[in-house]
Structures are given as C-alpha cells and as structure tokens.
PDB file of N, CA and C in Angstrom:
ATOM      1  N   UNK A   1      -9.734 -14.687  12.545  1.00  0.00           N
ATOM      2  CA  UNK A   1      -8.998 -14.484  11.411  1.00  0.00           C
ATOM      3  C   UNK A   1      -8.822 -12.887  10.987  1.00  0.00           C
ATOM      4  N   UNK A   2      -7.613 -12.486  10.649  1.00  0.00           N
ATOM      5  CA  UNK A   2      -7.437 -11.063  10.310  1.00  0.00           C
ATOM      6  C   UNK A   2      -7.802 -10.875   8.999  1.00  0.00           C
ATOM      7  N   UNK A   3      -8.384  -9.878   8.867  1.00  0.00           N
ATOM      8  CA  UNK A   3      -8.770  -9.369   7.259  1.00  0.00           C
ATOM      9  C   UNK A   3      -7.715  -8.948   6.475  1.00  0.00           C
ATOM     10  N   UNK A   4      -7.606  -8.927   5.170  1.00  0.00           N
ATOM     11  CA  UNK A   4      -6.553  -8.471   4.506  1.00  0.00           C
ATOM     12  C   UNK A   4      -6.151  -7.045   4.934  1.00  0.00           C
ATOM     13  N   UNK A   5      -7.193  -6.416   5.207  1.00  0.00           N
ATOM     14  CA  UNK A   5      -6.966  -4.873   5.629  1.00  0.00           C
ATOM     15  C   UNK A   5      -6.049  -4.727   6.813  1.00  0.00           C
ATOM     16  N   UNK A   6      -6.516  -5.749   7.984  1.00  0.00           N
ATOM     17  CA  UNK A   6      -5.573  -5.707   9.311  1.00  0.00           C
ATOM     18  C   UNK A   6      -4.474  -6.355   8.905  1.00  0.00           C
ATOM     19  N   UNK A   7      -4.183  -7.235   8.100  1.00  0.00           N
ATOM     20  CA  UNK A   7      -2.601  -7.555   7.772  1.00  0.00           C
ATOM     21  C   UNK A   7      -2.000  -6.780   7.010  1.00  0.00           C
ATOM     22  N   UNK A   8      -2.469  -5.975   6.105  1.00  0.00           N
ATOM     23  CA  UNK A   8      -1.954  -4.701   5.455  1.00  0.00           C
ATOM     24  C   UNK A   8      -1.413  -3.594   6.526  1.00  0.00           C
ATOM     25  N   UNK A   9      -2.392  -3.182   7.291  1.00  0.00           N
ATOM     26  CA  UNK A   9      -1.972  -2.255   8.514  1.00  0.00           C
ATOM     27  C   UNK A   9      -0.974  -2.724   9.219  1.00  0.00           C
ATOM     28  N   UNK A  10      -0.886  -4.043   9.660  1.00  0.00           N
ATOM     29  CA  UNK A  10       0.276  -4.544  10.292  1.00  0.00           C
ATOM     30  C   UNK A  10       1.637  -4.400   9.559  1.00  0.00           C
ATOM     31  N   UNK A  11       1.417  -4.548   8.247  1.00  0.00           N
ATOM     32  CA  UNK A  11       2.635  -4.684   7.668  1.00  0.00           C
ATOM     33  C   UNK A  11       3.058  -3.505   7.436  1.00  0.00           C
ATOM     34  N   UNK A  12       2.159  -2.346   7.146  1.00  0.00           N
ATOM     35  CA  UNK A  12       2.672  -0.951   7.005  1.00  0.00           C
ATOM     36  C   UNK A  12       3.459  -0.487   8.467  1.00  0.00           C
ATOM     37  N   UNK A  13       3.032  -0.883   9.363  1.00  0.00           N
ATOM     38  CA  UNK A  13       3.494  -0.695  10.918  1.00  0.00           C
ATOM     39  C   UNK A  13       5.238  -1.071  10.890  1.00  0.00           C
ATOM     40  N   UNK A  14       5.359  -2.053  10.234  1.00  0.00           N
ATOM     41  CA  UNK A  14       6.722  -2.622  10.270  1.00  0.00           C
ATOM     42  C   UNK A  14       7.585  -2.309   9.122  1.00  0.00           C
ATOM     43  N   UNK A  15       7.373  -1.329   8.075  1.00  0.00           N
ATOM     44  CA  UNK A  15       7.844  -0.854   7.044  1.00  0.00           C
ATOM     45  C   UNK A  15       9.287  -0.736   7.054  1.00  0.00           C
ATOM     46  N   UNK A  16      10.395  -1.268   6.482  1.00  0.00           N
ATOM     47  CA  UNK A  16      11.532  -1.088   6.283  1.00  0.00           C
ATOM     48  C   UNK A  16      12.192  -0.884   4.967  1.00  0.00           C
ATOM     49  N   UNK A  17      13.437  -0.366   4.778  1.00  0.00           N
ATOM     50  CA  UNK A  17      13.917  -0.027   3.463  1.00  0.00           C
ATOM     51  C   UNK A  17      14.669  -1.315   2.762  1.00  0.00           C
ATOM     52  N   UNK A  18      14.259  -1.479   1.563  1.00  0.00           N
ATOM     53  CA  UNK A  18      14.960  -2.593   0.913  1.00  0.00           C
ATOM     54  C   UNK A  18      14.820  -2.359  -0.526  1.00  0.00           C
ATOM     55  N   UNK A  19      15.889  -2.699  -1.335  1.00  0.00           N
ATOM     56  CA  UNK A  19      15.990  -2.464  -2.586  1.00  0.00           C
ATOM     57  C   UNK A  19      14.843  -3.322  -3.564  1.00  0.00           C
ATOM     58  N   UNK A  20      14.239  -2.347  -4.493  1.00  0.00           N
ATOM     59  CA  UNK A  20      13.084  -3.005  -5.162  1.00  0.00           C
ATOM     60  C   UNK A  20      13.076  -2.282  -6.730  1.00  0.00           C
ATOM     61  N   UNK A  21      12.705  -2.869  -7.685  1.00  0.00           N
ATOM     62  CA  UNK A  21      12.534  -2.411  -8.927  1.00  0.00           C
ATOM     63  C   UNK A  21      11.090  -1.461  -8.951  1.00  0.00           C
ATOM     64  N   UNK A  22      11.243  -0.166  -9.536  1.00  0.00           N
ATOM     65  CA  UNK A  22      10.297   0.728  -9.549  1.00  0.00           C
ATOM     66  C   UNK A  22       8.973   0.205 -10.197  1.00  0.00           C
ATOM     67  N   UNK A  23       9.295  -0.364 -11.336  1.00  0.00           N
ATOM     68  CA  UNK A  23       8.121  -1.147 -11.809  1.00  0.00           C
ATOM     69  C   UNK A  23       7.186  -1.788 -10.983  1.00  0.00           C
ATOM     70  N   UNK A  24       7.632  -2.628  -9.964  1.00  0.00           N
ATOM     71  CA  UNK A  24       6.964  -3.398  -9.028  1.00  0.00           C
ATOM     72  C   UNK A  24       6.030  -2.436  -8.216  1.00  0.00           C
ATOM     73  N   UNK A  25       6.712  -1.406  -7.822  1.00  0.00           N
ATOM     74  CA  UNK A  25       5.945  -0.483  -7.195  1.00  0.00           C
ATOM     75  C   UNK A  25       4.776   0.187  -7.957  1.00  0.00           C
ATOM     76  N   UNK A  26       5.097   0.592  -9.017  1.00  0.00           N
ATOM     77  CA  UNK A  26       3.940   1.302  -9.938  1.00  0.00           C
ATOM     78  C   UNK A  26       2.856   0.543 -10.204  1.00  0.00           C
ATOM     79  N   UNK A  27       3.202  -0.949 -10.624  1.00  0.00           N
ATOM     80  CA  UNK A  27       2.145  -2.081 -10.704  1.00  0.00           C
ATOM     81  C   UNK A  27       1.260  -1.970  -9.433  1.00  0.00           C
ATOM     82  N   UNK A  28       1.770  -2.249  -8.187  1.00  0.00           N
ATOM     83  CA  UNK A  28       1.281  -2.250  -6.961  1.00  0.00           C
ATOM     84  C   UNK A  28       0.346  -0.879  -6.716  1.00  0.00           C
ATOM     85  N   UNK A  29       0.733   0.189  -7.121  1.00  0.00           N
ATOM     86  CA  UNK A  29       0.048   1.324  -6.915  1.00  0.00           C
ATOM     87  C   UNK A  29      -1.271   1.306  -7.994  1.00  0.00           C
ATOM     88  N   UNK A  30      -1.119   1.016  -9.094  1.00  0.00           N
ATOM     89  CA  UNK A  30      -2.121   0.818  -9.919  1.00  0.00           C
ATOM     90  C   UNK A  30      -3.273   0.067  -9.436  1.00  0.00           C
ATOM     91  N   UNK A  31      -2.899  -1.320  -9.143  1.00  0.00           N
ATOM     92  CA  UNK A  31      -3.920  -1.995  -8.439  1.00  0.00           C
ATOM     93  C   UNK A  31      -4.580  -1.685  -6.982  1.00  0.00           C
ATOM     94  N   UNK A  32      -3.801  -1.281  -6.330  1.00  0.00           N
ATOM     95  CA  UNK A  32      -4.298  -0.598  -4.940  1.00  0.00           C
ATOM     96  C   UNK A  32      -4.972   0.603  -5.157  1.00  0.00           C
ATOM     97  N   UNK A  33      -4.817   1.636  -5.954  1.00  0.00           N
ATOM     98  CA  UNK A  33      -5.738   2.733  -6.233  1.00  0.00           C
ATOM     99  C   UNK A  33      -7.236   2.374  -6.569  1.00  0.00           C
ATOM    100  N   UNK A  34      -7.021   1.057  -7.649  1.00  0.00           N
ATOM    101  CA  UNK A  34      -8.440   0.633  -7.905  1.00  0.00           C
ATOM    102  C   UNK A  34      -9.239   0.205  -6.674  1.00  0.00           C
ATOM    103  N   UNK A  35      -8.312  -0.700  -5.921  1.00  0.00           N
ATOM    104  CA  UNK A  35      -9.042  -1.342  -4.652  1.00  0.00           C
ATOM    105  C   UNK A  35      -9.521   0.196  -3.673  1.00  0.00           C
ATOM    106  N   UNK A  36      -8.715   1.140  -3.741  1.00  0.00           N
ATOM    107  CA  UNK A  36      -9.083   2.146  -2.641  1.00  0.00           C
ATOM    108  C   UNK A  36     -10.423   2.879  -3.244  1.00  0.00           C
ATOM    109  N   UNK A  37     -10.620   2.951  -4.469  1.00  0.00           N
ATOM    110  CA  UNK A  37     -11.544   3.425  -4.775  1.00  0.00           C
ATOM    111  C   UNK A  37     -13.012   2.413  -5.147  1.00  0.00           C
ATOM    112  N   UNK A  38     -12.803   1.222  -5.362  1.00  0.00           N
ATOM    113  CA  UNK A  38     -13.870   0.194  -5.465  1.00  0.00           C
ATOM    114  C   UNK A  38     -14.367  -0.558  -4.416  1.00  0.00           C
ATOM    115  N   UNK A  39     -13.559  -0.778  -3.286  1.00  0.00           N
ATOM    116  CA  UNK A  39     -13.996  -1.686  -2.474  1.00  0.00           C
ATOM    117  C   UNK A  39     -15.167  -1.432  -1.547  1.00  0.00           C
ATOM    118  N   UNK A  40     -16.090  -2.403  -1.369  1.00  0.00           N
ATOM    119  CA  UNK A  40     -16.970  -2.193  -0.612  1.00  0.00           C
ATOM    120  C   UNK A  40     -16.911  -1.891   1.081  1.00  0.00           C
ATOM    121  N   UNK A  41     -15.503  -2.394   1.252  1.00  0.00           N
ATOM    122  CA  UNK A  41     -15.208  -2.332   2.619  1.00  0.00           C
ATOM    123  C   UNK A  41     -14.210  -1.053   3.019  1.00  0.00           C
ATOM    124  N   UNK A  42     -14.802  -0.175   4.146  1.00  0.00           N
ATOM    125  CA  UNK A  42     -14.174   1.122   4.078  1.00  0.00           C
ATOM    126  C   UNK A  42     -12.704   0.773   4.906  1.00  0.00           C
ATOM    127  N   UNK A  43     -12.455  -0.292   5.520  1.00  0.00           N
ATOM    128  CA  UNK A  43     -11.154  -0.252   6.250  1.00  0.00           C
ATOM    129  C   UNK A  43     -10.214  -0.837   4.916  1.00  0.00           C
ATOM    130  N   UNK A  44     -10.595  -1.737   4.073  1.00  0.00           N
ATOM    131  CA  UNK A  44      -9.857  -2.005   2.742  1.00  0.00           C
ATOM    132  C   UNK A  44      -9.591  -0.730   2.104  1.00  0.00           C
ATOM    133  N   UNK A  45     -10.363   0.098   1.876  1.00  0.00           N
ATOM    134  CA  UNK A  45     -10.201   1.284   1.188  1.00  0.00           C
ATOM    135  C   UNK A  45      -9.094   2.053   1.598  1.00  0.00           C
ATOM    136  N   UNK A  46      -9.421   2.329   3.076  1.00  0.00           N
ATOM    137  CA  UNK A  46      -8.540   2.901   3.693  1.00  0.00           C
ATOM    138  C   UNK A  46      -6.732   2.591   3.911  1.00  0.00           C
ATOM    139  N   UNK A  47      -6.813   1.099   4.067  1.00  0.00           N
ATOM    140  CA  UNK A  47      -5.397   0.499   3.793  1.00  0.00           C
ATOM    141  C   UNK A  47      -4.927   0.540   2.471  1.00  0.00           C
ATOM    142  N   UNK A  48      -5.767   0.505   1.698  1.00  0.00           N
ATOM    143  CA  UNK A  48      -5.078   0.648   0.350  1.00  0.00           C
ATOM    144  C   UNK A  48      -4.584   2.084  -0.122  1.00  0.00           C
ATOM    145  N   UNK A  49      -5.398   2.980   0.378  1.00  0.00           N
ATOM    146  CA  UNK A  49      -4.874   4.314   0.340  1.00  0.00           C
ATOM    147  C   UNK A  49      -3.809   4.594   1.081  1.00  0.00           C
ATOM    148  N   UNK A  50      -3.757   4.081   2.131  1.00  0.00           N
ATOM    149  CA  UNK A  50      -2.471   4.396   2.857  1.00  0.00           C
ATOM    150  C   UNK A  50      -1.265   3.790   2.285  1.00  0.00           C
ATOM    151  N   UNK A  51      -1.484   2.334   1.761  1.00  0.00           N
ATOM    152  CA  UNK A  51      -0.278   1.802   1.207  1.00  0.00           C
ATOM    153  C   UNK A  51       0.048   2.505  -0.190  1.00  0.00           C
ATOM    154  N   UNK A  52      -0.810   3.025  -1.049  1.00  0.00           N
ATOM    155  CA  UNK A  52      -0.501   3.988  -2.109  1.00  0.00           C
ATOM    156  C   UNK A  52       0.242   5.053  -1.772  1.00  0.00           C
ATOM    157  N   UNK A  53      -0.156   5.638  -0.571  1.00  0.00           N
ATOM    158  CA  UNK A  53       0.710   6.839  -0.093  1.00  0.00           C
ATOM    159  C   UNK A  53       2.073   6.531   0.111  1.00  0.00           C
ATOM    160  N   UNK A  54       2.427   5.369   0.934  1.00  0.00           N
ATOM    161  CA  UNK A  54       3.878   4.685   1.158  1.00  0.00           C
ATOM    162  C   UNK A  54       4.461   4.208  -0.132  1.00  0.00           C
ATOM    163  N   UNK A  55       3.764   3.860  -1.029  1.00  0.00           N
ATOM    164  CA  UNK A  55       4.600   3.421  -2.364  1.00  0.00           C
ATOM    165  C   UNK A  55       5.005   4.758  -3.079  1.00  0.00           C
ATOM    166  N   UNK A  56       4.112   5.665  -3.159  1.00  0.00           N
ATOM    167  CA  UNK A  56       4.501   6.833  -3.873  1.00  0.00           C
ATOM    168  C   UNK A  56       5.671   7.551  -3.257  1.00  0.00           C
ATOM    169  N   UNK A  57       5.450   7.601  -1.924  1.00  0.00           N
ATOM    170  CA  UNK A  57       6.532   8.275  -1.149  1.00  0.00           C
ATOM    171  C   UNK A  57       7.895   7.576  -1.429  1.00  0.00           C
ATOM    172  N   UNK A  58       7.693   6.174  -1.399  1.00  0.00           N
ATOM    173  CA  UNK A  58       9.049   5.349  -1.669  1.00  0.00           C
ATOM    174  C   UNK A  58       9.718   5.616  -2.957  1.00  0.00           C
ATOM    175  N   UNK A  59       8.665   5.772  -4.231  1.00  0.00           N
ATOM    176  CA  UNK A  59       9.173   6.163  -5.492  1.00  0.00           C
ATOM    177  C   UNK A  59       9.811   7.435  -5.709  1.00  0.00           C
ATOM    178  N   UNK A  60       9.359   8.323  -4.924  1.00  0.00           N
ATOM    179  CA  UNK A  60       9.812   9.755  -4.915  1.00  0.00           C
ATOM    180  C   UNK A  60      11.111   9.827  -4.067  1.00  0.00           C
ATOM    181  N   UNK A  61      11.542   8.741  -3.493  1.00  0.00           N
ATOM    182  CA  UNK A  61      13.072   8.831  -2.916  1.00  0.00           C
ATOM    183  C   UNK A  61      12.912   9.171  -1.376  1.00  0.00           C
ATOM    184  N   UNK A  62      11.563   9.025  -0.986  1.00  0.00           N
ATOM    185  CA  UNK A  62      11.165   9.442   0.544  1.00  0.00           C
ATOM    186  C   UNK A  62      11.569   8.047   1.212  1.00  0.00           C
ATOM    187  N   UNK A  63      11.697   8.394   2.515  1.00  0.00           N
ATOM    188  CA  UNK A  63      12.009   7.210   3.406  1.00  0.00           C
ATOM    189  C   UNK A  63      10.672   6.606   3.908  1.00  0.00           C
ATOM    190  N   UNK A  64       9.994   5.909   2.869  1.00  0.00           N
ATOM    191  CA  UNK A  64       8.677   5.119   3.163  1.00  0.00           C
ATOM    192  C   UNK A  64       9.103   4.223   4.349  1.00  0.00           C
TER     193      UNK A  64
END
C-alpha cells in the first residue's frame, strides 16, 4: 500500500490548472506547513514542503 506521502508525490506529478478559492489554498498551506515541520517521516515532510511550495506558487499567480 502506498503511503500518504507517496500518493501526494504522485498527485503533484499530475498537477493541472483549475479554478479554486484562495482561502482553500491558504488553509491547506497552514496545515501542510505544520506537517512539514512536525512529521516523524522524512518523506512526508518533504512531500508536505513540496506541496506548500506549489500552493504558494499557485496563490502568487504562477503556473503551479
């Protein structure tokens, strides 16, 4: 069975552009930043940090 970090990594590989409320992205960033700092799993921390970077890029109008 794939871990949550493995599934997140796979999801990031298939990122596509869709409309979304910025508040949803901001909430996800807050939660994922905490995981990237506190998880005992290095793979999960890395996946959370990568996801935060993509979300921030999307909020700044980049092509995440």
